[in-house]
Amino acid sequence: MFRWAIIFAVIALVASLFGFSGVAGMSKDFAVILLIVAVILGIVSFISRNTS
């Protein structure tokens, strides 16, 4: 998931450089959502691994 978040962040940066503000905004939103989901899943995985 971190890989996809980075890919969408790069797409957002490139799109903003070329003036595609709609694509840049949408890609940024996807990157933020994927980053948050990846962090939450990582924390849950870490906690569940240490409780057993």
PDB file of N, CA and C in Angstrom:
ATOM      1  N   MET A   1       0.813  -1.191   0.000  1.00  0.00           N
ATOM      2  CA  MET A   1       0.000   0.000   0.000  1.00  0.00           C
ATOM      3  C   MET A   1       0.857   1.256   0.000  1.00  0.00           C
ATOM      4  N   PHE A   2       1.992   1.185   0.677  1.00  0.00           N
ATOM      5  CA  PHE A   2       2.869   2.349   0.662  1.00  0.00           C
ATOM      6  C   PHE A   2       3.342   2.642  -0.762  1.00  0.00           C
ATOM      7  N   ARG A   3       3.580   1.588  -1.524  1.00  0.00           N
ATOM      8  CA  ARG A   3       4.024   1.771  -2.909  1.00  0.00           C
ATOM      9  C   ARG A   3       2.964   2.506  -3.721  1.00  0.00           C
ATOM     10  N   TRP A   4       1.686   2.113  -3.554  1.00  0.00           N
ATOM     11  CA  TRP A   4       0.623   2.773  -4.294  1.00  0.00           C
ATOM     12  C   TRP A   4       0.454   4.216  -3.836  1.00  0.00           C
ATOM     13  N   ALA A   5       0.617   4.474  -2.536  1.00  0.00           N
ATOM     14  CA  ALA A   5       0.519   5.845  -2.044  1.00  0.00           C
ATOM     15  C   ALA A   5       1.611   6.715  -2.652  1.00  0.00           C
ATOM     16  N   ILE A   6       2.821   6.171  -2.754  1.00  0.00           N
ATOM     17  CA  ILE A   6       3.926   6.927  -3.350  1.00  0.00           C
ATOM     18  C   ILE A   6       3.674   7.151  -4.836  1.00  0.00           C
ATOM     19  N   ILE A   7       3.147   6.136  -5.518  1.00  0.00           N
ATOM     20  CA  ILE A   7       2.859   6.280  -6.950  1.00  0.00           C
ATOM     21  C   ILE A   7       1.822   7.374  -7.177  1.00  0.00           C
ATOM     22  N   PHE A   8       0.759   7.389  -6.392  1.00  0.00           N
ATOM     23  CA  PHE A   8      -0.258   8.423  -6.553  1.00  0.00           C
ATOM     24  C   PHE A   8       0.281   9.799  -6.177  1.00  0.00           C
ATOM     25  N   ALA A   9       1.183   9.876  -5.202  1.00  0.00           N
ATOM     26  CA  ALA A   9       1.785  11.158  -4.857  1.00  0.00           C
ATOM     27  C   ALA A   9       2.649  11.683  -6.007  1.00  0.00           C
ATOM     28  N   VAL A  10       3.388  10.796  -6.651  1.00  0.00           N
ATOM     29  CA  VAL A  10       4.209  11.208  -7.796  1.00  0.00           C
ATOM     30  C   VAL A  10       3.320  11.649  -8.958  1.00  0.00           C
ATOM     31  N   ILE A  11       2.238  10.919  -9.190  1.00  0.00           N
ATOM     32  CA  ILE A  11       1.297  11.318 -10.246  1.00  0.00           C
ATOM     33  C   ILE A  11       0.732  12.697  -9.941  1.00  0.00           C
ATOM     34  N   ALA A  12       0.408  12.955  -8.685  1.00  0.00           N
ATOM     35  CA  ALA A  12      -0.120  14.264  -8.303  1.00  0.00           C
ATOM     36  C   ALA A  12       0.910  15.359  -8.551  1.00  0.00           C
ATOM     37  N   LEU A  13       2.174  15.093  -8.215  1.00  0.00           N
ATOM     38  CA  LEU A  13       3.217  16.098  -8.445  1.00  0.00           C
ATOM     39  C   LEU A  13       3.412  16.379  -9.929  1.00  0.00           C
ATOM     40  N   VAL A  14       3.459  15.333 -10.736  1.00  0.00           N
ATOM     41  CA  VAL A  14       3.658  15.514 -12.173  1.00  0.00           C
ATOM     42  C   VAL A  14       2.455  16.227 -12.790  1.00  0.00           C
ATOM     43  N   ALA A  15       1.249  15.835 -12.377  1.00  0.00           N
ATOM     44  CA  ALA A  15       0.052  16.472 -12.917  1.00  0.00           C
ATOM     45  C   ALA A  15      -0.010  17.945 -12.536  1.00  0.00           C
ATOM     46  N   SER A  16       0.415  18.271 -11.329  1.00  0.00           N
ATOM     47  CA  SER A  16       0.389  19.675 -10.928  1.00  0.00           C
ATOM     48  C   SER A  16       1.440  20.490 -11.680  1.00  0.00           C
ATOM     49  N   LEU A  17       2.557  19.870 -12.017  1.00  0.00           N
ATOM     50  CA  LEU A  17       3.562  20.577 -12.806  1.00  0.00           C
ATOM     51  C   LEU A  17       3.055  20.918 -14.197  1.00  0.00           C
ATOM     52  N   PHE A  18       2.233  20.023 -14.771  1.00  0.00           N
ATOM     53  CA  PHE A  18       1.703  20.254 -16.115  1.00  0.00           C
ATOM     54  C   PHE A  18       0.378  21.001 -16.105  1.00  0.00           C
ATOM     55  N   GLY A  19      -0.126  21.354 -14.933  1.00  0.00           N
ATOM     56  CA  GLY A  19      -1.326  22.173 -14.843  1.00  0.00           C
ATOM     57  C   GLY A  19      -2.638  21.416 -14.795  1.00  0.00           C
ATOM     58  N   PHE A  20      -2.597  20.115 -14.601  1.00  0.00           N
ATOM     59  CA  PHE A  20      -3.827  19.326 -14.494  1.00  0.00           C
ATOM     60  C   PHE A  20      -4.264  19.296 -13.033  1.00  0.00           C
ATOM     61  N   SER A  21      -4.936  20.348 -12.613  1.00  0.00           N
ATOM     62  CA  SER A  21      -5.255  20.476 -11.186  1.00  0.00           C
ATOM     63  C   SER A  21      -6.273  19.434 -10.727  1.00  0.00           C
ATOM     64  N   GLY A  22      -7.208  19.058 -11.583  1.00  0.00           N
ATOM     65  CA  GLY A  22      -8.199  18.054 -11.191  1.00  0.00           C
ATOM     66  C   GLY A  22      -7.571  16.699 -10.947  1.00  0.00           C
ATOM     67  N   VAL A  23      -6.710  16.280 -11.868  1.00  0.00           N
ATOM     68  CA  VAL A  23      -6.016  14.999 -11.718  1.00  0.00           C
ATOM     69  C   VAL A  23      -5.082  15.051 -10.511  1.00  0.00           C
ATOM     70  N   ALA A  24      -4.416  16.175 -10.316  1.00  0.00           N
ATOM     71  CA  ALA A  24      -3.490  16.308  -9.187  1.00  0.00           C
ATOM     72  C   ALA A  24      -4.236  16.218  -7.860  1.00  0.00           C
ATOM     73  N   GLY A  25      -5.365  16.874  -7.759  1.00  0.00           N
ATOM     74  CA  GLY A  25      -6.144  16.828  -6.520  1.00  0.00           C
ATOM     75  C   GLY A  25      -6.673  15.445  -6.227  1.00  0.00           C
ATOM     76  N   MET A  26      -7.185  14.781  -7.272  1.00  0.00           N
ATOM     77  CA  MET A  26      -7.719  13.438  -7.089  1.00  0.00           C
ATOM     78  C   MET A  26      -6.608  12.455  -6.715  1.00  0.00           C
ATOM     79  N   SER A  27      -5.456  12.568  -7.344  1.00  0.00           N
ATOM     80  CA  SER A  27      -4.336  11.679  -7.028  1.00  0.00           C
ATOM     81  C   SER A  27      -3.825  11.919  -5.613  1.00  0.00           C
ATOM     82  N   LYS A  28      -3.818  13.180  -5.202  1.00  0.00           N
ATOM     83  CA  LYS A  28      -3.395  13.492  -3.838  1.00  0.00           C
ATOM     84  C   LYS A  28      -4.352  12.880  -2.826  1.00  0.00           C
ATOM     85  N   ASP A  29      -5.643  12.955  -3.107  1.00  0.00           N
ATOM     86  CA  ASP A  29      -6.625  12.368  -2.202  1.00  0.00           C
ATOM     87  C   ASP A  29      -6.448  10.854  -2.098  1.00  0.00           C
ATOM     88  N   PHE A  30      -6.243  10.197  -3.240  1.00  0.00           N
ATOM     89  CA  PHE A  30      -6.001   8.758  -3.218  1.00  0.00           C
ATOM     90  C   PHE A  30      -4.735   8.421  -2.442  1.00  0.00           C
ATOM     91  N   ALA A  31      -3.686   9.215  -2.621  1.00  0.00           N
ATOM     92  CA  ALA A  31      -2.434   8.958  -1.917  1.00  0.00           C
ATOM     93  C   ALA A  31      -2.613   9.087  -0.412  1.00  0.00           C
ATOM     94  N   VAL A  32      -3.340  10.092   0.021  1.00  0.00           N
ATOM     95  CA  VAL A  32      -3.561  10.296   1.455  1.00  0.00           C
ATOM     96  C   VAL A  32      -4.398   9.153   2.030  1.00  0.00           C
ATOM     97  N   ILE A  33      -5.448   8.761   1.318  1.00  0.00           N
ATOM     98  CA  ILE A  33      -6.303   7.666   1.798  1.00  0.00           C
ATOM     99  C   ILE A  33      -5.505   6.373   1.904  1.00  0.00           C
ATOM    100  N   LEU A  34      -4.735   6.061   0.874  1.00  0.00           N
ATOM    101  CA  LEU A  34      -3.947   4.829   0.905  1.00  0.00           C
ATOM    102  C   LEU A  34      -2.888   4.866   2.001  1.00  0.00           C
ATOM    103  N   LEU A  35      -2.296   6.018   2.236  1.00  0.00           N
ATOM    104  CA  LEU A  35      -1.295   6.131   3.295  1.00  0.00           C
ATOM    105  C   LEU A  35      -1.924   5.905   4.667  1.00  0.00           C
ATOM    106  N   ILE A  36      -3.083   6.488   4.891  1.00  0.00           N
ATOM    107  CA  ILE A  36      -3.767   6.316   6.176  1.00  0.00           C
ATOM    108  C   ILE A  36      -4.161   4.852   6.383  1.00  0.00           C
ATOM    109  N   VAL A  37      -4.712   4.225   5.345  1.00  0.00           N
ATOM    110  CA  VAL A  37      -5.106   2.819   5.447  1.00  0.00           C
ATOM    111  C   VAL A  37      -3.887   1.937   5.705  1.00  0.00           C
ATOM    112  N   ALA A  38      -2.780   2.206   5.024  1.00  0.00           N
ATOM    113  CA  ALA A  38      -1.575   1.408   5.214  1.00  0.00           C
ATOM    114  C   ALA A  38      -1.028   1.548   6.631  1.00  0.00           C
ATOM    115  N   VAL A  39      -1.049   2.754   7.163  1.00  0.00           N
ATOM    116  CA  VAL A  39      -0.557   2.958   8.532  1.00  0.00           C
ATOM    117  C   VAL A  39      -1.459   2.252   9.536  1.00  0.00           C
ATOM    118  N   ILE A  40      -2.770   2.353   9.362  1.00  0.00           N
ATOM    119  CA  ILE A  40      -3.698   1.693  10.280  1.00  0.00           C
ATOM    120  C   ILE A  40      -3.528   0.176  10.215  1.00  0.00           C
ATOM    121  N   LEU A  41      -3.429  -0.372   8.998  1.00  0.00           N
ATOM    122  CA  LEU A  41      -3.231  -1.817   8.876  1.00  0.00           C
ATOM    123  C   LEU A  41      -1.890  -2.260   9.465  1.00  0.00           C
ATOM    124  N   GLY A  42      -0.867  -1.443   9.319  1.00  0.00           N
ATOM    125  CA  GLY A  42       0.424  -1.767   9.904  1.00  0.00           C
ATOM    126  C   GLY A  42       0.371  -1.783  11.422  1.00  0.00           C
ATOM    127  N   ILE A  43      -0.331  -0.833  11.999  1.00  0.00           N
ATOM    128  CA  ILE A  43      -0.460  -0.778  13.459  1.00  0.00           C
ATOM    129  C   ILE A  43      -1.261  -1.970  13.970  1.00  0.00           C
ATOM    130  N   VAL A  44      -2.368  -2.272  13.299  1.00  0.00           N
ATOM    131  CA  VAL A  44      -3.189  -3.423  13.703  1.00  0.00           C
ATOM    132  C   VAL A  44      -2.391  -4.714  13.581  1.00  0.00           C
ATOM    133  N   SER A  45      -1.645  -4.852  12.522  1.00  0.00           N
ATOM    134  CA  SER A  45      -0.830  -6.053  12.338  1.00  0.00           C
ATOM    135  C   SER A  45       0.243  -6.159  13.422  1.00  0.00           C
ATOM    136  N   PHE A  46       0.855  -5.052  13.765  1.00  0.00           N
ATOM    137  CA  PHE A  46       1.881  -5.051  14.807  1.00  0.00           C
ATOM    138  C   PHE A  46       1.292  -5.415  16.158  1.00  0.00           C
ATOM    139  N   ILE A  47       0.136  -4.863  16.483  1.00  0.00           N
ATOM    140  CA  ILE A  47      -0.494  -5.147  17.762  1.00  0.00           C
ATOM    141  C   ILE A  47      -0.965  -6.592  17.841  1.00  0.00           C
ATOM    142  N   SER A  48      -1.567  -7.098  16.773  1.00  0.00           N
ATOM    143  CA  SER A  48      -2.078  -8.455  16.808  1.00  0.00           C
ATOM    144  C   SER A  48      -0.956  -9.487  16.813  1.00  0.00           C
ATOM    145  N   ARG A  49       0.167  -9.159  16.245  1.00  0.00           N
ATOM    146  CA  ARG A  49       1.312 -10.075  16.245  1.00  0.00           C
ATOM    147  C   ARG A  49       1.925 -10.185  17.632  1.00  0.00           C
ATOM    148  N   ASN A  50       1.889  -9.120  18.419  1.00  0.00           N
ATOM    149  CA  ASN A  50       2.526  -9.131  19.743  1.00  0.00           C
ATOM    150  C   ASN A  50       1.612  -9.663  20.833  1.00  0.00           C
ATOM    151  N   THR A  51       0.328  -9.802  20.586  1.00  0.00           N
ATOM    152  CA  THR A  51      -0.554 -10.274  21.646  1.00  0.00           C
ATOM    153  C   THR A  51      -0.599 -11.795  21.739  1.00  0.00           C
ATOM    154  N   SER A  52      -0.184 -12.493  20.735  1.00  0.00           N
ATOM    155  CA  SER A  52      -0.282 -13.957  20.783  1.00  0.00           C
ATOM    156  C   SER A  52       0.941 -14.613  21.361  1.00  0.00           C
TER     157      SER A  52
END
